[in-house]
């Protein structure tokens, strides 16, 4: 069997979890890229020295996490970030009547800076590391709703330019994937309340000091590697944060 312990895998983990870990490692190393079909289950089972059932259980979990996508009769593929329902897995601001919409984005500021200590902590960066820092203003249904402050490690996004951000044809996470080979597969979000400072008030068209919802997000790639630190400031007068949706079975 191939080495399934790099990076570290907890001792005594079920075999299917070890196989899932190995598949994630292959993805992290770029063995299969976005939109690629992974090898057939029989070939992968032989590669890892496990049964088809064990391999299938690992793939089922990756499919449930939207890392892989099954296409009936065609095989299993590495998921691609596109304008589809999976977008709303990461974008959770909706109008208070429940209407979802894709945001229109305006880039307000872009620069390369030395990462401050809080950013280094969130992204696991060494002292002296640089990040690309930029601000977006997002509108929904014609309403200016939120401001994003985003920091990306320069090491993962080398030579990123303001033009790339302004001219990206699809979502931001799609740009990460297409241009830099960085796949966002999960996020950790924490909610706070805050007040609009002078710049945010101007960009959002609200009074300085108005209460805003603050969403603090770390985005992760394979094996829990942090790839983005984002703080979103949301005007909740007509919009709200939609938590994880659950399907009711009756």
C-alpha atoms as a PDB file:
ATOM      1  CA  UNK A   1       0.000   0.000   0.000  1.00  0.00           C
ATOM      2  CA  UNK A   2       1.143   3.556  -0.662  1.00  0.00           C
ATOM      3  CA  UNK A   3       2.254   5.643   2.313  1.00  0.00           C
ATOM      4  CA  UNK A   4      -0.948   7.020   3.839  1.00  0.00           C
ATOM      5  CA  UNK A   5       0.624   8.833   6.779  1.00  0.00           C
ATOM      6  CA  UNK A   6       1.887  12.039   5.199  1.00  0.00           C
ATOM      7  CA  UNK A   7       0.836  14.521   6.399  1.00  0.00           C
ATOM      8  CA  UNK A   8       0.183  13.047   9.847  1.00  0.00           C
ATOM      9  CA  UNK A   9      -2.771  10.693  10.144  1.00  0.00           C
ATOM     10  CA  UNK A  10      -4.107   9.728  13.589  1.00  0.00           C
ATOM     11  CA  UNK A  11      -3.056   6.253  14.631  1.00  0.00           C
ATOM     12  CA  UNK A  12      -5.816   3.688  14.485  1.00  0.00           C
ATOM     13  CA  UNK A  13      -7.926   5.584  11.961  1.00  0.00           C
ATOM     14  CA  UNK A  14     -10.400   3.444   9.985  1.00  0.00           C
ATOM     15  CA  UNK A  15      -9.014   2.250   6.683  1.00  0.00           C
ATOM     16  CA  UNK A  16     -11.458   4.244   4.572  1.00  0.00           C
ATOM     17  CA  UNK A  17     -10.347   7.430   6.366  1.00  0.00           C
ATOM     18  CA  UNK A  18      -6.735   6.571   5.542  1.00  0.00           C
ATOM     19  CA  UNK A  19      -7.713   6.198   1.899  1.00  0.00           C
ATOM     20  CA  UNK A  20      -9.596   9.512   2.019  1.00  0.00           C
ATOM     21  CA  UNK A  21      -6.468  11.091   3.499  1.00  0.00           C
ATOM     22  CA  UNK A  22      -4.340   9.624   0.700  1.00  0.00           C
ATOM     23  CA  UNK A  23      -6.719  10.935  -1.964  1.00  0.00           C
ATOM     24  CA  UNK A  24      -6.601  14.399  -0.392  1.00  0.00           C
ATOM     25  CA  UNK A  25      -2.805  14.247  -0.405  1.00  0.00           C
ATOM     26  CA  UNK A  26      -2.819  13.400  -4.116  1.00  0.00           C
ATOM     27  CA  UNK A  27      -5.166  16.320  -4.762  1.00  0.00           C
ATOM     28  CA  UNK A  28      -3.011  18.673  -2.690  1.00  0.00           C
ATOM     29  CA  UNK A  29       0.036  17.646  -4.729  1.00  0.00           C
ATOM     30  CA  UNK A  30      -1.800  18.417  -7.961  1.00  0.00           C
ATOM     31  CA  UNK A  31      -1.993  14.838  -9.203  1.00  0.00           C
ATOM     32  CA  UNK A  32      -5.544  15.554 -10.405  1.00  0.00           C
ATOM     33  CA  UNK A  33      -6.608  19.111 -11.110  1.00  0.00           C
ATOM     34  CA  UNK A  34      -9.992  20.846 -11.207  1.00  0.00           C
ATOM     35  CA  UNK A  35     -12.306  19.227 -13.692  1.00  0.00           C
ATOM     36  CA  UNK A  36     -10.068  16.150 -14.106  1.00  0.00           C
ATOM     37  CA  UNK A  37     -11.521  12.679 -13.842  1.00  0.00           C
ATOM     38  CA  UNK A  38      -9.851  10.630 -11.134  1.00  0.00           C
ATOM     39  CA  UNK A  39      -8.849   7.065 -12.094  1.00  0.00           C
ATOM     40  CA  UNK A  40     -11.519   4.359 -12.048  1.00  0.00           C
ATOM     41  CA  UNK A  41     -12.316   2.813  -8.667  1.00  0.00           C
ATOM     42  CA  UNK A  42     -10.754  -0.527  -9.607  1.00  0.00           C
ATOM     43  CA  UNK A  43      -7.426   1.123 -10.423  1.00  0.00           C
ATOM     44  CA  UNK A  44      -7.434   3.200  -7.239  1.00  0.00           C
ATOM     45  CA  UNK A  45      -8.376   0.182  -5.130  1.00  0.00           C
ATOM     46  CA  UNK A  46      -5.412  -1.708  -6.590  1.00  0.00           C
ATOM     47  CA  UNK A  47      -3.128   1.281  -6.056  1.00  0.00           C
ATOM     48  CA  UNK A  48      -3.977   1.503  -2.359  1.00  0.00           C
ATOM     49  CA  UNK A  49      -4.378  -2.225  -1.801  1.00  0.00           C
ATOM     50  CA  UNK A  50      -7.952  -2.041  -0.510  1.00  0.00           C
ATOM     51  CA  UNK A  51     -11.367  -3.353  -1.500  1.00  0.00           C
ATOM     52  CA  UNK A  52     -13.678  -1.499  -3.852  1.00  0.00           C
ATOM     53  CA  UNK A  53     -16.078  -1.019  -0.943  1.00  0.00           C
ATOM     54  CA  UNK A  54     -13.450   0.683   1.229  1.00  0.00           C
ATOM     55  CA  UNK A  55     -12.345   2.934  -1.621  1.00  0.00           C
ATOM     56  CA  UNK A  56     -15.945   3.804  -2.489  1.00  0.00           C
ATOM     57  CA  UNK A  57     -16.658   4.844   1.098  1.00  0.00           C
ATOM     58  CA  UNK A  58     -13.718   7.263   0.988  1.00  0.00           C
ATOM     59  CA  UNK A  59     -14.879   8.692  -2.345  1.00  0.00           C
ATOM     60  CA  UNK A  60     -18.450   8.986  -1.058  1.00  0.00           C
ATOM     61  CA  UNK A  61     -17.240  11.213   1.786  1.00  0.00           C
ATOM     62  CA  UNK A  62     -15.240  13.418  -0.581  1.00  0.00           C
ATOM     63  CA  UNK A  63     -18.281  13.696  -2.838  1.00  0.00           C
ATOM     64  CA  UNK A  64     -20.489  14.632   0.130  1.00  0.00           C
ATOM     65  CA  UNK A  65     -17.993  17.405   0.936  1.00  0.00           C
ATOM     66  CA  UNK A  66     -18.157  18.654  -2.702  1.00  0.00           C
ATOM     67  CA  UNK A  67     -14.469  17.919  -3.229  1.00  0.00           C
ATOM     68  CA  UNK A  68     -15.278  15.283  -5.836  1.00  0.00           C
ATOM     69  CA  UNK A  69     -18.341  15.105  -8.090  1.00  0.00           C
ATOM     70  CA  UNK A  70     -19.858  11.903  -9.452  1.00  0.00           C
ATOM     71  CA  UNK A  71     -21.291  11.951 -12.984  1.00  0.00           C
ATOM     72  CA  UNK A  72     -23.506   8.966 -13.718  1.00  0.00           C
ATOM     73  CA  UNK A  73     -21.977   6.811 -16.416  1.00  0.00           C
ATOM     74  CA  UNK A  74     -18.945   9.094 -16.826  1.00  0.00           C
ATOM     75  CA  UNK A  75     -16.926   8.721 -13.634  1.00  0.00           C
ATOM     76  CA  UNK A  76     -15.820  10.891 -10.731  1.00  0.00           C
ATOM     77  CA  UNK A  77     -14.263  14.323 -11.194  1.00  0.00           C
ATOM     78  CA  UNK A  78     -12.484  16.960  -9.127  1.00  0.00           C
ATOM     79  CA  UNK A  79     -15.041  19.663  -8.333  1.00  0.00           C
ATOM     80  CA  UNK A  80     -14.782  23.002 -10.089  1.00  0.00           C
ATOM     81  CA  UNK A  81     -15.892  26.319  -8.550  1.00  0.00           C
ATOM     82  CA  UNK A  82     -18.518  27.732 -10.893  1.00  0.00           C
ATOM     83  CA  UNK A  83     -21.663  29.841 -10.613  1.00  0.00           C
ATOM     84  CA  UNK A  84     -23.812  27.022  -9.328  1.00  0.00           C
ATOM     85  CA  UNK A  85     -25.620  26.137  -6.091  1.00  0.00           C
ATOM     86  CA  UNK A  86     -22.298  25.196  -4.461  1.00  0.00           C
ATOM     87  CA  UNK A  87     -21.462  28.920  -4.508  1.00  0.00           C
ATOM     88  CA  UNK A  88     -23.948  29.410  -1.699  1.00  0.00           C
ATOM     89  CA  UNK A  89     -22.076  26.906   0.448  1.00  0.00           C
ATOM     90  CA  UNK A  90     -19.624  29.762   1.032  1.00  0.00           C
ATOM     91  CA  UNK A  91     -21.798  32.851   0.463  1.00  0.00           C
ATOM     92  CA  UNK A  92     -24.518  33.040   3.111  1.00  0.00           C
ATOM     93  CA  UNK A  93     -25.908  36.556   2.944  1.00  0.00           C
ATOM     94  CA  UNK A  94     -29.509  36.663   1.734  1.00  0.00           C
ATOM     95  CA  UNK A  95     -32.282  39.228   1.657  1.00  0.00           C
ATOM     96  CA  UNK A  96     -34.588  38.986   4.653  1.00  0.00           C
ATOM     97  CA  UNK A  97     -37.345  37.560   2.457  1.00  0.00           C
ATOM     98  CA  UNK A  98     -35.004  34.631   1.737  1.00  0.00           C
ATOM     99  CA  UNK A  99     -34.086  35.611  -1.816  1.00  0.00           C
ATOM    100  CA  UNK A 100     -30.582  34.524  -2.811  1.00  0.00           C
ATOM    101  CA  UNK A 101     -28.560  36.412  -5.408  1.00  0.00           C
ATOM    102  CA  UNK A 102     -25.059  36.403  -6.830  1.00  0.00           C
ATOM    103  CA  UNK A 103     -23.230  39.541  -5.699  1.00  0.00           C
ATOM    104  CA  UNK A 104     -21.892  42.241  -7.985  1.00  0.00           C
ATOM    105  CA  UNK A 105     -18.360  42.994  -6.787  1.00  0.00           C
ATOM    106  CA  UNK A 106     -16.343  46.206  -6.953  1.00  0.00           C
ATOM    107  CA  UNK A 107     -12.644  46.130  -6.075  1.00  0.00           C
ATOM    108  CA  UNK A 108     -11.831  49.184  -3.948  1.00  0.00           C
ATOM    109  CA  UNK A 109      -8.221  48.648  -2.921  1.00  0.00           C
ATOM    110  CA  UNK A 110      -5.353  46.224  -3.602  1.00  0.00           C
ATOM    111  CA  UNK A 111      -1.848  46.110  -2.183  1.00  0.00           C
ATOM    112  CA  UNK A 112       1.035  43.853  -1.144  1.00  0.00           C
ATOM    113  CA  UNK A 113       1.954  44.276   2.509  1.00  0.00           C
ATOM    114  CA  UNK A 114       3.895  42.596   5.271  1.00  0.00           C
ATOM    115  CA  UNK A 115       1.429  40.432   7.194  1.00  0.00           C
ATOM    116  CA  UNK A 116       0.407  41.787  10.592  1.00  0.00           C
ATOM    117  CA  UNK A 117       0.584  39.449  13.576  1.00  0.00           C
ATOM    118  CA  UNK A 118      -3.171  38.597  13.659  1.00  0.00           C
ATOM    119  CA  UNK A 119      -3.085  37.737   9.944  1.00  0.00           C
ATOM    120  CA  UNK A 120       0.035  35.583  10.392  1.00  0.00           C
ATOM    121  CA  UNK A 121      -1.716  33.712  13.168  1.00  0.00           C
ATOM    122  CA  UNK A 122      -4.824  33.004  11.073  1.00  0.00           C
ATOM    123  CA  UNK A 123      -2.851  31.934   7.994  1.00  0.00           C
ATOM    124  CA  UNK A 124       0.003  30.151   9.760  1.00  0.00           C
ATOM    125  CA  UNK A 125       2.655  32.474   8.310  1.00  0.00           C
ATOM    126  CA  UNK A 126       6.176  33.180   9.517  1.00  0.00           C
ATOM    127  CA  UNK A 127       7.305  36.591  10.720  1.00  0.00           C
ATOM    128  CA  UNK A 128       8.145  38.805   7.749  1.00  0.00           C
ATOM    129  CA  UNK A 129       5.804  37.009   5.343  1.00  0.00           C
ATOM    130  CA  UNK A 130       3.886  39.113   2.834  1.00  0.00           C
ATOM    131  CA  UNK A 131       0.243  38.954   1.858  1.00  0.00           C
ATOM    132  CA  UNK A 132      -1.942  40.441  -0.829  1.00  0.00           C
ATOM    133  CA  UNK A 133      -4.595  42.549   0.880  1.00  0.00           C
ATOM    134  CA  UNK A 134      -7.677  43.847  -0.927  1.00  0.00           C
ATOM    135  CA  UNK A 135     -11.155  45.207  -0.301  1.00  0.00           C
ATOM    136  CA  UNK A 136     -14.315  44.406  -2.216  1.00  0.00           C
ATOM    137  CA  UNK A 137     -17.714  46.065  -1.974  1.00  0.00           C
ATOM    138  CA  UNK A 138     -20.555  43.640  -2.731  1.00  0.00           C
ATOM    139  CA  UNK A 139     -24.049  44.498  -3.919  1.00  0.00           C
ATOM    140  CA  UNK A 140     -27.091  42.228  -3.935  1.00  0.00           C
ATOM    141  CA  UNK A 141     -30.248  42.970  -5.894  1.00  0.00           C
ATOM    142  CA  UNK A 142     -28.871  46.447  -6.554  1.00  0.00           C
ATOM    143  CA  UNK A 143     -28.288  47.136  -2.826  1.00  0.00           C
ATOM    144  CA  UNK A 144     -24.789  47.792  -1.475  1.00  0.00           C
ATOM    145  CA  UNK A 145     -24.663  45.253   1.349  1.00  0.00           C
ATOM    146  CA  UNK A 146     -21.156  44.327   2.470  1.00  0.00           C
ATOM    147  CA  UNK A 147     -17.452  45.074   2.453  1.00  0.00           C
ATOM    148  CA  UNK A 148     -14.859  42.286   2.385  1.00  0.00           C
ATOM    149  CA  UNK A 149     -11.317  42.689   3.674  1.00  0.00           C
ATOM    150  CA  UNK A 150      -9.280  39.781   2.290  1.00  0.00           C
ATOM    151  CA  UNK A 151      -5.693  38.655   2.898  1.00  0.00           C
ATOM    152  CA  UNK A 152      -3.938  35.980   0.819  1.00  0.00           C
ATOM    153  CA  UNK A 153      -0.459  34.521   1.428  1.00  0.00           C
ATOM    154  CA  UNK A 154       1.911  35.698  -1.283  1.00  0.00           C
ATOM    155  CA  UNK A 155       3.584  32.275  -1.271  1.00  0.00           C
ATOM    156  CA  UNK A 156       0.337  30.623  -2.435  1.00  0.00           C
ATOM    157  CA  UNK A 157      -0.667  33.395  -4.851  1.00  0.00           C
ATOM    158  CA  UNK A 158       2.622  34.504  -6.442  1.00  0.00           C
ATOM    159  CA  UNK A 159       2.478  37.529  -8.723  1.00  0.00           C
ATOM    160  CA  UNK A 160      -1.223  38.134  -8.164  1.00  0.00           C
ATOM    161  CA  UNK A 161      -2.267  41.409  -9.774  1.00  0.00           C
ATOM    162  CA  UNK A 162      -5.035  43.933  -9.341  1.00  0.00           C
ATOM    163  CA  UNK A 163      -5.970  43.339 -12.976  1.00  0.00           C
ATOM    164  CA  UNK A 164      -6.563  39.634 -12.304  1.00  0.00           C
ATOM    165  CA  UNK A 165      -9.018  40.517  -9.561  1.00  0.00           C
ATOM    166  CA  UNK A 166     -10.825  43.162 -11.599  1.00  0.00           C
ATOM    167  CA  UNK A 167     -11.133  41.025 -14.726  1.00  0.00           C
ATOM    168  CA  UNK A 168     -11.861  37.617 -13.204  1.00  0.00           C
ATOM    169  CA  UNK A 169     -14.635  35.933 -15.189  1.00  0.00           C
ATOM    170  CA  UNK A 170     -16.232  34.027 -12.321  1.00  0.00           C
ATOM    171  CA  UNK A 171     -16.106  33.717  -8.539  1.00  0.00           C
ATOM    172  CA  UNK A 172     -13.099  34.607  -6.430  1.00  0.00           C
ATOM    173  CA  UNK A 173     -12.609  30.992  -5.392  1.00  0.00           C
ATOM    174  CA  UNK A 174     -12.744  30.008  -9.044  1.00  0.00           C
ATOM    175  CA  UNK A 175      -9.882  32.449  -9.680  1.00  0.00           C
ATOM    176  CA  UNK A 176      -7.885  30.876  -6.874  1.00  0.00           C
ATOM    177  CA  UNK A 177      -8.438  27.496  -8.474  1.00  0.00           C
ATOM    178  CA  UNK A 178      -7.906  28.433 -12.115  1.00  0.00           C
ATOM    179  CA  UNK A 179      -4.944  30.805 -11.821  1.00  0.00           C
ATOM    180  CA  UNK A 180      -3.115  29.486  -8.764  1.00  0.00           C
ATOM    181  CA  UNK A 181      -4.186  25.887  -8.258  1.00  0.00           C
ATOM    182  CA  UNK A 182      -5.561  26.691  -4.796  1.00  0.00           C
ATOM    183  CA  UNK A 183      -8.776  24.834  -4.016  1.00  0.00           C
ATOM    184  CA  UNK A 184     -11.027  26.084  -1.232  1.00  0.00           C
ATOM    185  CA  UNK A 185     -12.914  23.126   0.195  1.00  0.00           C
ATOM    186  CA  UNK A 186     -14.102  24.486   3.543  1.00  0.00           C
ATOM    187  CA  UNK A 187     -14.358  27.529   5.780  1.00  0.00           C
ATOM    188  CA  UNK A 188     -14.498  28.343   9.455  1.00  0.00           C
ATOM    189  CA  UNK A 189     -16.671  31.374  10.198  1.00  0.00           C
ATOM    190  CA  UNK A 190     -17.192  33.318  13.424  1.00  0.00           C
ATOM    191  CA  UNK A 191     -19.794  36.065  13.827  1.00  0.00           C
ATOM    192  CA  UNK A 192     -19.417  39.300  15.785  1.00  0.00           C
ATOM    193  CA  UNK A 193     -21.048  42.683  15.913  1.00  0.00           C
ATOM    194  CA  UNK A 194     -19.196  45.849  15.007  1.00  0.00           C
ATOM    195  CA  UNK A 195     -19.715  49.467  14.035  1.00  0.00           C
ATOM    196  CA  UNK A 196     -19.114  51.177  10.708  1.00  0.00           C
ATOM    197  CA  UNK A 197     -15.897  53.184  10.657  1.00  0.00           C
ATOM    198  CA  UNK A 198     -15.439  56.145   8.306  1.00  0.00           C
ATOM    199  CA  UNK A 199     -14.314  54.110   5.262  1.00  0.00           C
ATOM    200  CA  UNK A 200     -16.879  51.333   5.633  1.00  0.00           C
ATOM    201  CA  UNK A 201     -19.629  53.872   6.246  1.00  0.00           C
ATOM    202  CA  UNK A 202     -18.709  55.663   3.038  1.00  0.00           C
ATOM    203  CA  UNK A 203     -18.534  52.492   0.975  1.00  0.00           C
ATOM    204  CA  UNK A 204     -21.788  51.075   2.382  1.00  0.00           C
ATOM    205  CA  UNK A 205     -23.655  54.381   2.320  1.00  0.00           C
ATOM    206  CA  UNK A 206     -24.523  54.217   6.026  1.00  0.00           C
ATOM    207  CA  UNK A 207     -23.940  56.477   9.003  1.00  0.00           C
ATOM    208  CA  UNK A 208     -20.626  56.212  10.784  1.00  0.00           C
ATOM    209  CA  UNK A 209     -21.067  54.086  13.900  1.00  0.00           C
ATOM    210  CA  UNK A 210     -24.032  52.128  12.494  1.00  0.00           C
ATOM    211  CA  UNK A 211     -24.066  48.529  13.791  1.00  0.00           C
ATOM    212  CA  UNK A 212     -22.788  45.977  11.282  1.00  0.00           C
ATOM    213  CA  UNK A 213     -22.541  42.209  11.294  1.00  0.00           C
ATOM    214  CA  UNK A 214     -18.906  41.082  11.149  1.00  0.00           C
ATOM    215  CA  UNK A 215     -18.070  37.682   9.662  1.00  0.00           C
ATOM    216  CA  UNK A 216     -14.522  36.473  10.299  1.00  0.00           C
ATOM    217  CA  UNK A 217     -13.570  33.623   7.977  1.00  0.00           C
ATOM    218  CA  UNK A 218     -10.592  31.375   7.434  1.00  0.00           C
ATOM    219  CA  UNK A 219     -10.830  29.423   4.160  1.00  0.00           C
ATOM    220  CA  UNK A 220      -9.064  26.081   3.954  1.00  0.00           C
ATOM    221  CA  UNK A 221      -7.701  23.856   1.242  1.00  0.00           C
ATOM    222  CA  UNK A 222      -6.813  20.177   1.521  1.00  0.00           C
ATOM    223  CA  UNK A 223      -5.636  18.870   4.899  1.00  0.00           C
ATOM    224  CA  UNK A 224      -6.860  21.993   6.665  1.00  0.00           C
ATOM    225  CA  UNK A 225      -4.279  24.328   5.120  1.00  0.00           C
ATOM    226  CA  UNK A 226      -5.420  27.977   5.598  1.00  0.00           C
ATOM    227  CA  UNK A 227      -5.359  29.908   2.317  1.00  0.00           C
ATOM    228  CA  UNK A 228      -7.478  33.013   2.956  1.00  0.00           C
ATOM    229  CA  UNK A 229      -8.332  35.310   5.873  1.00  0.00           C
ATOM    230  CA  UNK A 230     -11.437  37.415   5.327  1.00  0.00           C
ATOM    231  CA  UNK A 231     -13.423  39.852   7.435  1.00  0.00           C
ATOM    232  CA  UNK A 232     -16.820  40.819   6.022  1.00  0.00           C
ATOM    233  CA  UNK A 233     -18.823  43.801   7.276  1.00  0.00           C
ATOM    234  CA  UNK A 234     -22.535  43.440   6.504  1.00  0.00           C
ATOM    235  CA  UNK A 235     -25.342  45.998   6.622  1.00  0.00           C
ATOM    236  CA  UNK A 236     -28.222  43.933   8.023  1.00  0.00           C
ATOM    237  CA  UNK A 237     -31.007  46.492   7.569  1.00  0.00           C
ATOM    238  CA  UNK A 238     -32.505  44.361   4.788  1.00  0.00           C
ATOM    239  CA  UNK A 239     -30.158  41.346   4.690  1.00  0.00           C
ATOM    240  CA  UNK A 240     -29.173  38.551   7.050  1.00  0.00           C
ATOM    241  CA  UNK A 241     -26.776  35.658   7.525  1.00  0.00           C
ATOM    242  CA  UNK A 242     -28.150  32.253   6.529  1.00  0.00           C
ATOM    243  CA  UNK A 243     -26.631  29.411   8.533  1.00  0.00           C
ATOM    244  CA  UNK A 244     -26.309  25.845   7.337  1.00  0.00           C
ATOM    245  CA  UNK A 245     -29.513  24.725   5.713  1.00  0.00           C
ATOM    246  CA  UNK A 246     -31.127  21.450   6.704  1.00  0.00           C
ATOM    247  CA  UNK A 247     -33.482  19.330   4.668  1.00  0.00           C
ATOM    248  CA  UNK A 248     -36.670  18.396   6.505  1.00  0.00           C
ATOM    249  CA  UNK A 249     -37.887  14.865   5.903  1.00  0.00           C
ATOM    250  CA  UNK A 250     -41.640  14.404   6.316  1.00  0.00           C
END
